Amino acid sequence: MGKIGEDLARNYLEKEGYKILEQNYRTKYAEIDLVAEKKSGIFGQKKLVFVEVRTKVGENFGSPEDTINKAKLWKVLQNAKSYSAFKKWQGPERIDAICIVLKPDFSVLRLTHHENIVS
């Protein structure tokens, strides 16, 4: 399920103008699903975007958003800090979530992009 969701999220981000830098990047804390770069503003400043992808089939037992708790957010934040330090990134960054709900045939029922989930 995770691979399907990550591929859907990657395709979505690329269509939205993001450049994917890493997929399934491992740190000592866990794994970063996607690391992307997005140009924004008048001068095209690059922003590093860490993306947590959550995928479920149906929402009978809760939404993908329900699976993002404080412990998960802490891990994502630590992953982001570790990645930024390792790559010596000095620019702006943010953490996003892409939550995907699939139908039983694995087609997309809903894909929601939540920007800046950790402030």
Protein backbone atom coordinates (compact mmCIF):
# COMPACT_ATOMS: atom_id res chain seq x y z
CA MET A 1 0.00 0.00 0.00
CA GLY A 2 2.82 2.39 0.91
CA LYS A 3 4.56 2.05 -2.47
CA ILE A 4 1.32 2.73 -4.36
CA GLY A 5 0.65 5.82 -2.26
CA GLU A 6 4.21 7.14 -2.60
CA ASP A 7 4.13 6.73 -6.37
CA LEU A 8 0.76 8.53 -6.55
CA ALA A 9 2.09 11.33 -4.32
CA ARG A 10 5.27 11.63 -6.39
CA ASN A 11 3.28 11.92 -9.64
CA TYR A 12 0.99 14.51 -8.07
CA LEU A 13 3.91 16.63 -6.81
CA GLU A 14 5.72 16.50 -10.14
CA LYS A 15 2.55 17.70 -11.91
CA GLU A 16 2.39 20.55 -9.38
CA GLY A 17 5.92 21.69 -10.26
CA TYR A 18 7.91 20.02 -7.49
CA LYS A 19 11.28 18.45 -8.24
CA ILE A 20 11.65 15.14 -6.40
CA LEU A 21 15.10 14.85 -4.83
CA GLU A 22 14.68 11.65 -2.82
CA GLN A 23 12.18 8.85 -2.30
CA ASN A 24 12.38 6.59 0.76
CA TYR A 25 15.41 8.37 2.19
CA ARG A 26 16.58 6.63 5.36
CA THR A 27 17.94 8.48 8.38
CA LYS A 28 18.87 7.15 11.81
CA TYR A 29 15.35 8.06 12.96
CA ALA A 30 13.28 6.40 10.24
CA GLU A 31 12.48 7.06 6.61
CA ILE A 32 11.44 10.18 4.73
CA ASP A 33 8.84 9.23 2.12
CA LEU A 34 9.61 12.07 -0.29
CA VAL A 35 12.00 15.00 -0.32
CA ALA A 36 11.17 17.61 -2.91
CA GLU A 37 12.21 21.06 -3.98
CA LYS A 38 9.73 23.78 -4.90
CA LYS A 39 10.54 27.14 -6.41
CA SER A 40 8.34 29.94 -5.16
CA GLY A 41 8.04 33.69 -5.14
CA ILE A 42 9.12 36.27 -7.66
CA PHE A 43 12.78 35.30 -7.49
CA GLY A 44 12.16 31.55 -7.62
CA GLN A 45 13.61 30.84 -4.18
CA LYS A 46 13.97 27.11 -3.60
CA LYS A 47 12.22 25.54 -0.63
CA LEU A 48 12.96 22.05 0.63
CA VAL A 49 9.75 20.09 1.25
CA PHE A 50 9.63 16.88 3.28
CA VAL A 51 6.52 14.87 2.50
CA GLU A 52 4.92 12.24 4.70
CA VAL A 53 2.61 10.03 2.63
CA ARG A 54 -0.29 8.24 4.32
CA THR A 55 -2.43 5.81 2.30
CA LYS A 56 -5.52 3.80 3.23
CA VAL A 57 -8.11 1.78 1.37
CA GLY A 58 -11.43 3.33 2.34
CA GLU A 59 -12.15 5.38 5.43
CA ASN A 60 -14.33 2.93 7.37
CA PHE A 61 -11.71 2.71 10.12
CA GLY A 62 -10.53 6.32 10.04
CA SER A 63 -8.84 8.62 7.59
CA PRO A 64 -5.16 8.71 6.64
CA GLU A 65 -4.97 12.02 8.51
CA ASP A 66 -5.94 10.17 11.70
CA THR A 67 -2.67 8.19 11.51
CA ILE A 68 -0.52 11.32 11.86
CA ASN A 69 -0.06 11.67 15.62
CA LYS A 70 2.43 13.61 17.77
CA ALA A 71 4.95 10.75 17.79
CA LYS A 72 4.83 10.50 13.99
CA LEU A 73 5.24 14.27 13.63
CA TRP A 74 8.24 14.20 15.96
CA LYS A 75 9.90 11.48 13.84
CA VAL A 76 9.23 13.40 10.63
CA LEU A 77 10.69 16.56 12.16
CA GLN A 78 13.82 14.72 13.34
CA ASN A 79 14.20 13.16 9.88
CA ALA A 80 13.94 16.58 8.27
CA LYS A 81 16.54 18.08 10.61
CA SER A 82 18.90 15.17 10.00
CA TYR A 83 18.53 15.42 6.22
CA SER A 84 19.01 19.19 6.20
CA ALA A 85 22.16 18.94 8.32
CA PHE A 86 23.61 16.11 6.21
CA LYS A 87 22.94 17.99 2.94
CA LYS A 88 24.04 21.33 4.51
CA TRP A 89 20.75 22.92 3.42
CA GLN A 90 20.57 26.60 4.37
CA GLY A 91 17.28 27.67 2.76
CA PRO A 92 13.65 27.54 3.83
CA GLU A 93 11.93 24.23 4.38
CA ARG A 94 8.60 22.81 5.41
CA ILE A 95 6.92 19.51 6.18
CA ASP A 96 3.84 18.44 4.24
CA ALA A 97 1.56 15.42 4.28
CA ILE A 98 -0.18 13.84 1.34
CA CYS A 99 -3.12 11.71 2.44
CA ILE A 100 -4.58 9.27 -0.06
CA VAL A 101 -7.75 7.22 0.15
CA LEU A 102 -8.04 4.39 -2.35
CA LYS A 103 -11.09 2.53 -3.55
CA PRO A 104 -11.09 -1.28 -3.21
CA ASP A 105 -9.76 -1.52 -6.80
CA PHE A 106 -6.84 0.76 -5.73
CA SER A 107 -7.98 3.72 -7.84
CA VAL A 108 -7.85 7.09 -6.11
CA LEU A 109 -10.92 8.18 -4.17
CA ARG A 110 -9.19 11.18 -2.58
CA LEU A 111 -5.72 12.76 -2.57
CA THR A 112 -5.27 15.69 -0.20
CA HIS A 113 -2.07 17.75 0.08
CA HIS A 114 -1.64 19.34 3.51
CA GLU A 115 1.14 21.96 3.48
CA ASN A 116 3.26 22.94 6.48
CA ILE A 117 1.89 20.43 8.99
CA VAL A 118 4.62 21.22 11.52
CA SER A 119 5.19 24.83 12.46
